[in-house]
Amino acid sequence: MLKRCRALLFTLLSLGVFEPVIAAEMVDAEQLFKQKCALCHAIDKKKLGPAVNAMSRDVESLRETLMKGKNAMPGFADKLTGAEIDALVDYLIKKMGGVD
């Protein structure tokens, strides 16, 4: 049985059907928001930057803003990984009530 499970896992991995989650790829988006964003942004009120609830709910727009920056906000493409940016976008959308 163990040999069959290993063979199946190997087949799925080789076909790209299943990708194991690497601990380094797991991102705590809430903590990342607190570290990188909360100085200028709050969820429901304006600080130096707009409140999260007032931001665009468009995923691509959020991702582009995080990567390239906008107005006084710097870009984070060279400071955050793609996984971290994606996690932040998901976190922001959830905080806006866009996803349960």
PDB file of N, CA and C in Angstrom:
ATOM      1  N   MET A   1       0.826  -1.205   0.000  1.00  0.00           N
ATOM      2  CA  MET A   1       0.000   0.000   0.000  1.00  0.00           C
ATOM      3  C   MET A   1       0.863   1.260   0.000  1.00  0.00           C
ATOM      4  N   LEU A   2       1.916   1.266   0.826  1.00  0.00           N
ATOM      5  CA  LEU A   2       2.802   2.421   0.905  1.00  0.00           C
ATOM      6  C   LEU A   2       3.490   2.668  -0.437  1.00  0.00           C
ATOM      7  N   LYS A   3       3.873   1.585  -1.120  1.00  0.00           N
ATOM      8  CA  LYS A   3       4.513   1.724  -2.433  1.00  0.00           C
ATOM      9  C   LYS A   3       3.552   2.353  -3.432  1.00  0.00           C
ATOM     10  N   ARG A   4       2.281   1.962  -3.373  1.00  0.00           N
ATOM     11  CA  ARG A   4       1.288   2.522  -4.297  1.00  0.00           C
ATOM     12  C   ARG A   4       1.056   4.001  -4.014  1.00  0.00           C
ATOM     13  N   CYS A   5       1.028   4.378  -2.742  1.00  0.00           N
ATOM     14  CA  CYS A   5       0.860   5.790  -2.372  1.00  0.00           C
ATOM     15  C   CYS A   5       2.047   6.617  -2.853  1.00  0.00           C
ATOM     16  N   ARG A   6       3.237   6.093  -2.656  1.00  0.00           N
ATOM     17  CA  ARG A   6       4.433   6.799  -3.123  1.00  0.00           C
ATOM     18  C   ARG A   6       4.428   6.945  -4.638  1.00  0.00           C
ATOM     19  N   ALA A   7       4.042   5.887  -5.336  1.00  0.00           N
ATOM     20  CA  ALA A   7       3.991   5.929  -6.799  1.00  0.00           C
ATOM     21  C   ALA A   7       2.973   6.958  -7.276  1.00  0.00           C
ATOM     22  N   LEU A   8       1.830   6.988  -6.626  1.00  0.00           N
ATOM     23  CA  LEU A   8       0.802   7.964  -6.989  1.00  0.00           C
ATOM     24  C   LEU A   8       1.280   9.385  -6.723  1.00  0.00           C
ATOM     25  N   LEU A   9       1.880   9.604  -5.575  1.00  0.00           N
ATOM     26  CA  LEU A   9       2.413  10.924  -5.246  1.00  0.00           C
ATOM     27  C   LEU A   9       3.470  11.347  -6.250  1.00  0.00           C
ATOM     28  N   PHE A  10       4.378  10.447  -6.594  1.00  0.00           N
ATOM     29  CA  PHE A  10       5.417  10.740  -7.578  1.00  0.00           C
ATOM     30  C   PHE A  10       4.798  11.097  -8.930  1.00  0.00           C
ATOM     31  N   THR A  11       3.791  10.348  -9.343  1.00  0.00           N
ATOM     32  CA  THR A  11       3.117  10.622 -10.618  1.00  0.00           C
ATOM     33  C   THR A  11       2.453  11.989 -10.594  1.00  0.00           C
ATOM     34  N   LEU A  12       1.744  12.303  -9.521  1.00  0.00           N
ATOM     35  CA  LEU A  12       1.071  13.600  -9.425  1.00  0.00           C
ATOM     36  C   LEU A  12       2.074  14.746  -9.418  1.00  0.00           C
ATOM     37  N   LEU A  13       3.167  14.569  -8.696  1.00  0.00           N
ATOM     38  CA  LEU A  13       4.202  15.604  -8.666  1.00  0.00           C
ATOM     39  C   LEU A  13       4.832  15.796 -10.032  1.00  0.00           C
ATOM     40  N   SER A  14       5.121  14.703 -10.711  1.00  0.00           N
ATOM     41  CA  SER A  14       5.776  14.801 -12.018  1.00  0.00           C
ATOM     42  C   SER A  14       4.864  15.408 -13.073  1.00  0.00           C
ATOM     43  N   LEU A  15       3.560  15.235 -12.925  1.00  0.00           N
ATOM     44  CA  LEU A  15       2.606  15.817 -13.872  1.00  0.00           C
ATOM     45  C   LEU A  15       2.240  17.251 -13.510  1.00  0.00           C
ATOM     46  N   GLY A  16       2.659  17.693 -12.349  1.00  0.00           N
ATOM     47  CA  GLY A  16       2.341  19.053 -11.921  1.00  0.00           C
ATOM     48  C   GLY A  16       0.918  19.195 -11.422  1.00  0.00           C
ATOM     49  N   VAL A  17       0.243  18.079 -11.181  1.00  0.00           N
ATOM     50  CA  VAL A  17      -1.133  18.115 -10.707  1.00  0.00           C
ATOM     51  C   VAL A  17      -1.184  18.521  -9.248  1.00  0.00           C
ATOM     52  N   PHE A  18      -0.190  18.118  -8.514  1.00  0.00           N
ATOM     53  CA  PHE A  18      -0.147  18.385  -7.083  1.00  0.00           C
ATOM     54  C   PHE A  18       1.190  19.026  -6.753  1.00  0.00           C
ATOM     55  N   GLU A  19       1.142  20.150  -6.086  1.00  0.00           N
ATOM     56  CA  GLU A  19       2.368  20.805  -5.666  1.00  0.00           C
ATOM     57  C   GLU A  19       2.355  20.918  -4.153  1.00  0.00           C
ATOM     58  N   PRO A  20       3.359  20.368  -3.493  1.00  0.00           N
ATOM     59  CA  PRO A  20       3.372  20.468  -2.037  1.00  0.00           C
ATOM     60  C   PRO A  20       3.558  21.914  -1.599  1.00  0.00           C
ATOM     61  N   VAL A  21       2.970  22.262  -0.483  1.00  0.00           N
ATOM     62  CA  VAL A  21       3.117  23.605   0.068  1.00  0.00           C
ATOM     63  C   VAL A  21       4.415  23.650   0.857  1.00  0.00           C
ATOM     64  N   ILE A  22       5.279  24.558   0.504  1.00  0.00           N
ATOM     65  CA  ILE A  22       6.539  24.729   1.201  1.00  0.00           C
ATOM     66  C   ILE A  22       6.306  25.745   2.308  1.00  0.00           C
ATOM     67  N   ALA A  23       6.824  25.486   3.480  1.00  0.00           N
ATOM     68  CA  ALA A  23       6.589  26.363   4.626  1.00  0.00           C
ATOM     69  C   ALA A  23       6.965  27.801   4.327  1.00  0.00           C
ATOM     70  N   ALA A  24       8.010  28.014   3.541  1.00  0.00           N
ATOM     71  CA  ALA A  24       8.443  29.373   3.228  1.00  0.00           C
ATOM     72  C   ALA A  24       7.422  30.106   2.368  1.00  0.00           C
ATOM     73  N   GLU A  25       6.578  29.353   1.642  1.00  0.00           N
ATOM     74  CA  GLU A  25       5.585  29.988   0.778  1.00  0.00           C
ATOM     75  C   GLU A  25       4.326  30.395   1.547  1.00  0.00           C
ATOM     76  N   MET A  26       4.147  29.868   2.736  1.00  0.00           N
ATOM     77  CA  MET A  26       2.981  30.224   3.521  1.00  0.00           C
ATOM     78  C   MET A  26       3.192  31.628   4.082  1.00  0.00           C
ATOM     79  N   VAL A  27       2.259  32.493   3.784  1.00  0.00           N
ATOM     80  CA  VAL A  27       2.403  33.895   4.155  1.00  0.00           C
ATOM     81  C   VAL A  27       1.314  34.272   5.150  1.00  0.00           C
ATOM     82  N   ASP A  28       1.698  34.914   6.232  1.00  0.00           N
ATOM     83  CA  ASP A  28       0.741  35.466   7.186  1.00  0.00           C
ATOM     84  C   ASP A  28       0.426  36.884   6.715  1.00  0.00           C
ATOM     85  N   ALA A  29      -0.605  36.994   5.890  1.00  0.00           N
ATOM     86  CA  ALA A  29      -0.940  38.271   5.261  1.00  0.00           C
ATOM     87  C   ALA A  29      -1.328  39.337   6.286  1.00  0.00           C
ATOM     88  N   GLU A  30      -1.994  38.947   7.345  1.00  0.00           N
ATOM     89  CA  GLU A  30      -2.376  39.923   8.365  1.00  0.00           C
ATOM     90  C   GLU A  30      -1.121  40.529   9.012  1.00  0.00           C
ATOM     91  N   GLN A  31      -0.166  39.684   9.344  1.00  0.00           N
ATOM     92  CA  GLN A  31       1.083  40.167   9.933  1.00  0.00           C
ATOM     93  C   GLN A  31       1.854  41.022   8.929  1.00  0.00           C
ATOM     94  N   LEU A  32       1.871  40.599   7.684  1.00  0.00           N
ATOM     95  CA  LEU A  32       2.547  41.364   6.638  1.00  0.00           C
ATOM     96  C   LEU A  32       1.904  42.735   6.467  1.00  0.00           C
ATOM     97  N   PHE A  33       0.568  42.788   6.507  1.00  0.00           N
ATOM     98  CA  PHE A  33      -0.140  44.065   6.430  1.00  0.00           C
ATOM     99  C   PHE A  33       0.282  44.965   7.594  1.00  0.00           C
ATOM    100  N   LYS A  34       0.341  44.399   8.786  1.00  0.00           N
ATOM    101  CA  LYS A  34       0.730  45.181   9.966  1.00  0.00           C
ATOM    102  C   LYS A  34       2.151  45.719   9.829  1.00  0.00           C
ATOM    103  N   GLN A  35       3.043  44.913   9.259  1.00  0.00           N
ATOM    104  CA  GLN A  35       4.447  45.317   9.120  1.00  0.00           C
ATOM    105  C   GLN A  35       4.665  46.326   7.999  1.00  0.00           C
ATOM    106  N   LYS A  36       4.008  46.128   6.865  1.00  0.00           N
ATOM    107  CA  LYS A  36       4.316  46.913   5.671  1.00  0.00           C
ATOM    108  C   LYS A  36       3.284  47.976   5.311  1.00  0.00           C
ATOM    109  N   CYS A  37       2.050  47.823   5.766  1.00  0.00           N
ATOM    110  CA  CYS A  37       0.969  48.687   5.275  1.00  0.00           C
ATOM    111  C   CYS A  37       0.294  49.540   6.348  1.00  0.00           C
ATOM    112  N   ALA A  38       0.210  49.015   7.560  1.00  0.00           N
ATOM    113  CA  ALA A  38      -0.604  49.655   8.602  1.00  0.00           C
ATOM    114  C   ALA A  38      -0.104  51.031   9.023  1.00  0.00           C
ATOM    115  N   LEU A  39       1.148  51.335   8.770  1.00  0.00           N
ATOM    116  CA  LEU A  39       1.641  52.667   9.103  1.00  0.00           C
ATOM    117  C   LEU A  39       0.863  53.735   8.325  1.00  0.00           C
ATOM    118  N   CYS A  40       0.508  53.411   7.099  1.00  0.00           N
ATOM    119  CA  CYS A  40      -0.174  54.389   6.235  1.00  0.00           C
ATOM    120  C   CYS A  40      -1.646  54.067   5.966  1.00  0.00           C
ATOM    121  N   HIS A  41      -2.055  52.816   6.194  1.00  0.00           N
ATOM    122  CA  HIS A  41      -3.420  52.406   5.850  1.00  0.00           C
ATOM    123  C   HIS A  41      -4.101  51.736   7.031  1.00  0.00           C
ATOM    124  N   ALA A  42      -5.360  52.083   7.248  1.00  0.00           N
ATOM    125  CA  ALA A  42      -6.224  51.384   8.207  1.00  0.00           C
ATOM    126  C   ALA A  42      -7.336  50.718   7.406  1.00  0.00           C
ATOM    127  N   ILE A  43      -8.003  49.777   8.002  1.00  0.00           N
ATOM    128  CA  ILE A  43      -9.066  49.071   7.289  1.00  0.00           C
ATOM    129  C   ILE A  43     -10.244  49.991   6.999  1.00  0.00           C
ATOM    130  N   ASP A  44     -10.659  50.783   7.984  1.00  0.00           N
ATOM    131  CA  ASP A  44     -11.900  51.544   7.831  1.00  0.00           C
ATOM    132  C   ASP A  44     -11.766  53.061   7.983  1.00  0.00           C
ATOM    133  N   LYS A  45     -10.521  53.566   8.038  1.00  0.00           N
ATOM    134  CA  LYS A  45     -10.380  55.024   8.112  1.00  0.00           C
ATOM    135  C   LYS A  45      -9.117  55.463   7.381  1.00  0.00           C
ATOM    136  N   LYS A  46      -9.136  56.684   6.916  1.00  0.00           N
ATOM    137  CA  LYS A  46      -7.994  57.246   6.207  1.00  0.00           C
ATOM    138  C   LYS A  46      -6.879  57.559   7.192  1.00  0.00           C
ATOM    139  N   LYS A  47      -5.670  57.206   6.809  1.00  0.00           N
ATOM    140  CA  LYS A  47      -4.479  57.614   7.556  1.00  0.00           C
ATOM    141  C   LYS A  47      -3.660  58.448   6.576  1.00  0.00           C
ATOM    142  N   LEU A  48      -2.415  58.128   6.383  1.00  0.00           N
ATOM    143  CA  LEU A  48      -1.630  58.811   5.345  1.00  0.00           C
ATOM    144  C   LEU A  48      -2.127  58.423   3.959  1.00  0.00           C
ATOM    145  N   GLY A  49      -2.549  57.198   3.832  1.00  0.00           N
ATOM    146  CA  GLY A  49      -3.115  56.701   2.575  1.00  0.00           C
ATOM    147  C   GLY A  49      -4.576  56.361   2.781  1.00  0.00           C
ATOM    148  N   PRO A  50      -5.244  55.953   1.717  1.00  0.00           N
ATOM    149  CA  PRO A  50      -6.680  55.658   1.830  1.00  0.00           C
ATOM    150  C   PRO A  50      -6.956  54.447   2.718  1.00  0.00           C
ATOM    151  N   ALA A  51      -8.169  54.429   3.254  1.00  0.00           N
ATOM    152  CA  ALA A  51      -8.615  53.265   4.015  1.00  0.00           C
ATOM    153  C   ALA A  51      -8.742  52.083   3.071  1.00  0.00           C
ATOM    154  N   VAL A  52      -8.513  50.905   3.578  1.00  0.00           N
ATOM    155  CA  VAL A  52      -8.641  49.697   2.762  1.00  0.00           C
ATOM    156  C   VAL A  52     -10.040  49.617   2.170  1.00  0.00           C
ATOM    157  N   ASN A  53     -11.055  49.936   2.954  1.00  0.00           N
ATOM    158  CA  ASN A  53     -12.438  49.876   2.468  1.00  0.00           C
ATOM    159  C   ASN A  53     -12.709  50.833   1.309  1.00  0.00           C
ATOM    160  N   ALA A  54     -11.865  51.841   1.123  1.00  0.00           N
ATOM    161  CA  ALA A  54     -12.052  52.812   0.042  1.00  0.00           C
ATOM    162  C   ALA A  54     -11.212  52.462  -1.193  1.00  0.00           C
ATOM    163  N   MET A  55     -10.434  51.392  -1.122  1.00  0.00           N
ATOM    164  CA  MET A  55      -9.574  51.018  -2.250  1.00  0.00           C
ATOM    165  C   MET A  55     -10.363  50.292  -3.329  1.00  0.00           C
ATOM    166  N   SER A  56      -9.778  50.236  -4.512  1.00  0.00           N
ATOM    167  CA  SER A  56     -10.368  49.482  -5.611  1.00  0.00           C
ATOM    168  C   SER A  56     -10.469  48.014  -5.218  1.00  0.00           C
ATOM    169  N   ARG A  57     -11.552  47.392  -5.608  1.00  0.00           N
ATOM    170  CA  ARG A  57     -11.725  45.963  -5.354  1.00  0.00           C
ATOM    171  C   ARG A  57     -11.221  45.123  -6.523  1.00  0.00           C
ATOM    172  N   ASP A  58     -10.619  45.761  -7.495  1.00  0.00           N
ATOM    173  CA  ASP A  58     -10.084  45.058  -8.659  1.00  0.00           C
ATOM    174  C   ASP A  58      -8.740  44.427  -8.294  1.00  0.00           C
ATOM    175  N   VAL A  59      -8.667  43.117  -8.402  1.00  0.00           N
ATOM    176  CA  VAL A  59      -7.476  42.368  -7.993  1.00  0.00           C
ATOM    177  C   VAL A  59      -6.235  42.835  -8.751  1.00  0.00           C
ATOM    178  N   GLU A  60      -6.347  42.982 -10.050  1.00  0.00           N
ATOM    179  CA  GLU A  60      -5.178  43.392 -10.845  1.00  0.00           C
ATOM    180  C   GLU A  60      -4.722  44.805 -10.493  1.00  0.00           C
ATOM    181  N   SER A  61      -5.659  45.686 -10.231  1.00  0.00           N
ATOM    182  CA  SER A  61      -5.321  47.052  -9.842  1.00  0.00           C
ATOM    183  C   SER A  61      -4.583  47.066  -8.498  1.00  0.00           C
ATOM    184  N   LEU A  62      -5.068  46.280  -7.551  1.00  0.00           N
ATOM    185  CA  LEU A  62      -4.406  46.183  -6.248  1.00  0.00           C
ATOM    186  C   LEU A  62      -2.999  45.617  -6.393  1.00  0.00           C
ATOM    187  N   ARG A  63      -2.879  44.552  -7.178  1.00  0.00           N
ATOM    188  CA  ARG A  63      -1.580  43.924  -7.379  1.00  0.00           C
ATOM    189  C   ARG A  63      -0.604  44.906  -8.027  1.00  0.00           C
ATOM    190  N   GLU A  64      -1.057  45.626  -9.031  1.00  0.00           N
ATOM    191  CA  GLU A  64      -0.193  46.593  -9.715  1.00  0.00           C
ATOM    192  C   GLU A  64       0.230  47.721  -8.770  1.00  0.00           C
ATOM    193  N   THR A  65      -0.704  48.207  -7.963  1.00  0.00           N
ATOM    194  CA  THR A  65      -0.375  49.262  -7.006  1.00  0.00           C
ATOM    195  C   THR A  65       0.646  48.776  -5.984  1.00  0.00           C
ATOM    196  N   LEU A  66       0.463  47.557  -5.486  1.00  0.00           N
ATOM    197  CA  LEU A  66       1.437  47.015  -4.543  1.00  0.00           C
ATOM    198  C   LEU A  66       2.814  46.863  -5.184  1.00  0.00           C
ATOM    199  N   MET A  67       2.841  46.449  -6.422  1.00  0.00           N
ATOM    200  CA  MET A  67       4.124  46.221  -7.077  1.00  0.00           C
ATOM    201  C   MET A  67       4.808  47.518  -7.497  1.00  0.00           C
ATOM    202  N   LYS A  68       4.064  48.416  -8.119  1.00  0.00           N
ATOM    203  CA  LYS A  68       4.660  49.622  -8.704  1.00  0.00           C
ATOM    204  C   LYS A  68       4.533  50.866  -7.836  1.00  0.00           C
ATOM    205  N   GLY A  69       3.577  50.846  -6.912  1.00  0.00           N
ATOM    206  CA  GLY A  69       3.321  52.033  -6.109  1.00  0.00           C
ATOM    207  C   GLY A  69       2.303  52.934  -6.791  1.00  0.00           C
ATOM    208  N   LYS A  70       1.900  53.972  -6.073  1.00  0.00           N
ATOM    209  CA  LYS A  70       0.918  54.920  -6.617  1.00  0.00           C
ATOM    210  C   LYS A  70       0.975  56.180  -5.770  1.00  0.00           C
ATOM    211  N   ASN A  71       1.028  57.320  -6.430  1.00  0.00           N
ATOM    212  CA  ASN A  71       1.148  58.607  -5.741  1.00  0.00           C
ATOM    213  C   ASN A  71       2.346  58.562  -4.790  1.00  0.00           C
ATOM    214  N   ALA A  72       2.133  58.799  -3.498  1.00  0.00           N
ATOM    215  CA  ALA A  72       3.246  58.808  -2.540  1.00  0.00           C
ATOM    216  C   ALA A  72       3.651  57.409  -2.086  1.00  0.00           C
ATOM    217  N   MET A  73       2.842  56.405  -2.412  1.00  0.00           N
ATOM    218  CA  MET A  73       3.141  55.042  -1.980  1.00  0.00           C
ATOM    219  C   MET A  73       4.241  54.437  -2.845  1.00  0.00           C
ATOM    220  N   PRO A  74       5.272  53.878  -2.205  1.00  0.00           N
ATOM    221  CA  PRO A  74       6.331  53.230  -2.983  1.00  0.00           C
ATOM    222  C   PRO A  74       5.874  51.861  -3.472  1.00  0.00           C
ATOM    223  N   GLY A  75       6.526  51.369  -4.500  1.00  0.00           N
ATOM    224  CA  GLY A  75       6.273  50.022  -4.980  1.00  0.00           C
ATOM    225  C   GLY A  75       7.000  49.002  -4.114  1.00  0.00           C
ATOM    226  N   PHE A  76       6.460  47.804  -4.070  1.00  0.00           N
ATOM    227  CA  PHE A  76       7.037  46.757  -3.245  1.00  0.00           C
ATOM    228  C   PHE A  76       7.522  45.560  -4.060  1.00  0.00           C
ATOM    229  N   ALA A  77       7.619  45.701  -5.378  1.00  0.00           N
ATOM    230  CA  ALA A  77       8.030  44.578  -6.222  1.00  0.00           C
ATOM    231  C   ALA A  77       9.409  44.060  -5.854  1.00  0.00           C
ATOM    232  N   ASP A  78      10.281  44.943  -5.405  1.00  0.00           N
ATOM    233  CA  ASP A  78      11.637  44.512  -5.039  1.00  0.00           C
ATOM    234  C   ASP A  78      11.786  44.246  -3.543  1.00  0.00           C
ATOM    235  N   LYS A  79      10.683  44.392  -2.798  1.00  0.00           N
ATOM    236  CA  LYS A  79      10.736  44.185  -1.351  1.00  0.00           C
ATOM    237  C   LYS A  79       9.927  42.979  -0.899  1.00  0.00           C
ATOM    238  N   LEU A  80       8.945  42.576  -1.700  1.00  0.00           N
ATOM    239  CA  LEU A  80       8.080  41.456  -1.359  1.00  0.00           C
ATOM    240  C   LEU A  80       8.123  40.416  -2.472  1.00  0.00           C
ATOM    241  N   THR A  81       7.908  39.165  -2.104  1.00  0.00           N
ATOM    242  CA  THR A  81       7.835  38.099  -3.099  1.00  0.00           C
ATOM    243  C   THR A  81       6.472  38.132  -3.783  1.00  0.00           C
ATOM    244  N   GLY A  82       6.356  37.427  -4.878  1.00  0.00           N
ATOM    245  CA  GLY A  82       5.064  37.312  -5.555  1.00  0.00           C
ATOM    246  C   GLY A  82       4.016  36.700  -4.650  1.00  0.00           C
ATOM    247  N   ALA A  83       4.415  35.700  -3.861  1.00  0.00           N
ATOM    248  CA  ALA A  83       3.479  35.058  -2.932  1.00  0.00           C
ATOM    249  C   ALA A  83       3.010  36.037  -1.859  1.00  0.00           C
ATOM    250  N   GLU A  84       3.904  36.894  -1.401  1.00  0.00           N
ATOM    251  CA  GLU A  84       3.524  37.883  -0.389  1.00  0.00           C
ATOM    252  C   GLU A  84       2.570  38.917  -0.974  1.00  0.00           C
ATOM    253  N   ILE A  85       2.833  39.364  -2.189  1.00  0.00           N
ATOM    254  CA  ILE A  85       1.937  40.328  -2.838  1.00  0.00           C
ATOM    255  C   ILE A  85       0.565  39.711  -3.063  1.00  0.00           C
ATOM    256  N   ASP A  86       0.534  38.471  -3.554  1.00  0.00           N
ATOM    257  CA  ASP A  86      -0.749  37.790  -3.758  1.00  0.00           C
ATOM    258  C   ASP A  86      -1.502  37.628  -2.445  1.00  0.00           C
ATOM    259  N   ALA A  87      -0.782  37.282  -1.383  1.00  0.00           N
ATOM    260  CA  ALA A  87      -1.421  37.124  -0.077  1.00  0.00           C
ATOM    261  C   ALA A  87      -1.989  38.447   0.415  1.00  0.00           C
ATOM    262  N   LEU A  88      -1.256  39.535   0.211  1.00  0.00           N
ATOM    263  CA  LEU A  88      -1.762  40.852   0.609  1.00  0.00           C
ATOM    264  C   LEU A  88      -3.005  41.228  -0.186  1.00  0.00           C
ATOM    265  N   VAL A  89      -3.000  40.964  -1.480  1.00  0.00           N
ATOM    266  CA  VAL A  89      -4.176  41.261  -2.309  1.00  0.00           C
ATOM    267  C   VAL A  89      -5.382  40.483  -1.791  1.00  0.00           C
ATOM    268  N   ASP A  90      -5.203  39.193  -1.526  1.00  0.00           N
ATOM    269  CA  ASP A  90      -6.301  38.378  -0.991  1.00  0.00           C
ATOM    270  C   ASP A  90      -6.782  38.926   0.349  1.00  0.00           C
ATOM    271  N   TYR A  91      -5.848  39.305   1.205  1.00  0.00           N
ATOM    272  CA  TYR A  91      -6.178  39.855   2.519  1.00  0.00           C
ATOM    273  C   TYR A  91      -6.990  41.145   2.372  1.00  0.00           C
ATOM    274  N   LEU A  92      -6.549  42.035   1.487  1.00  0.00           N
ATOM    275  CA  LEU A  92      -7.252  43.302   1.285  1.00  0.00           C
ATOM    276  C   LEU A  92      -8.666  43.075   0.762  1.00  0.00           C
ATOM    277  N   ILE A  93      -8.798  42.183  -0.205  1.00  0.00           N
ATOM    278  CA  ILE A  93     -10.128  41.882  -0.768  1.00  0.00           C
ATOM    279  C   ILE A  93     -11.045  41.332   0.329  1.00  0.00           C
ATOM    280  N   LYS A  94     -10.531  40.445   1.160  1.00  0.00           N
ATOM    281  CA  LYS A  94     -11.340  39.892   2.248  1.00  0.00           C
ATOM    282  C   LYS A  94     -11.744  40.976   3.244  1.00  0.00           C
ATOM    283  N   LYS A  95     -10.820  41.880   3.558  1.00  0.00           N
ATOM    284  CA  LYS A  95     -11.120  42.964   4.502  1.00  0.00           C
ATOM    285  C   LYS A  95     -12.157  43.924   3.930  1.00  0.00           C
ATOM    286  N   MET A  96     -12.219  44.028   2.615  1.00  0.00           N
ATOM    287  CA  MET A  96     -13.216  44.897   1.979  1.00  0.00           C
ATOM    288  C   MET A  96     -14.584  44.235   1.923  1.00  0.00           C
ATOM    289  N   GLY A  97     -14.635  42.977   2.318  1.00  0.00           N
ATOM    290  CA  GLY A  97     -15.908  42.264   2.253  1.00  0.00           C
ATOM    291  C   GLY A  97     -16.144  41.630   0.903  1.00  0.00           C
ATOM    292  N   GLY A  98     -15.099  41.580   0.064  1.00  0.00           N
ATOM    293  CA  GLY A  98     -15.250  41.017  -1.272  1.00  0.00           C
ATOM    294  C   GLY A  98     -15.316  39.509  -1.297  1.00  0.00           C
ATOM    295  N   VAL A  99     -14.748  38.856  -0.292  1.00  0.00           N
ATOM    296  CA  VAL A  99     -14.719  37.397  -0.228  1.00  0.00           C
ATOM    297  C   VAL A  99     -14.943  36.998   1.218  1.00  0.00           C
ATOM    298  N   ASP A 100     -15.758  35.977   1.430  1.00  0.00           N
ATOM    299  CA  ASP A 100     -15.981  35.479   2.794  1.00  0.00           C
ATOM    300  C   ASP A 100     -14.865  34.584   3.232  1.00  0.00           C
TER     301      ASP A 100
END
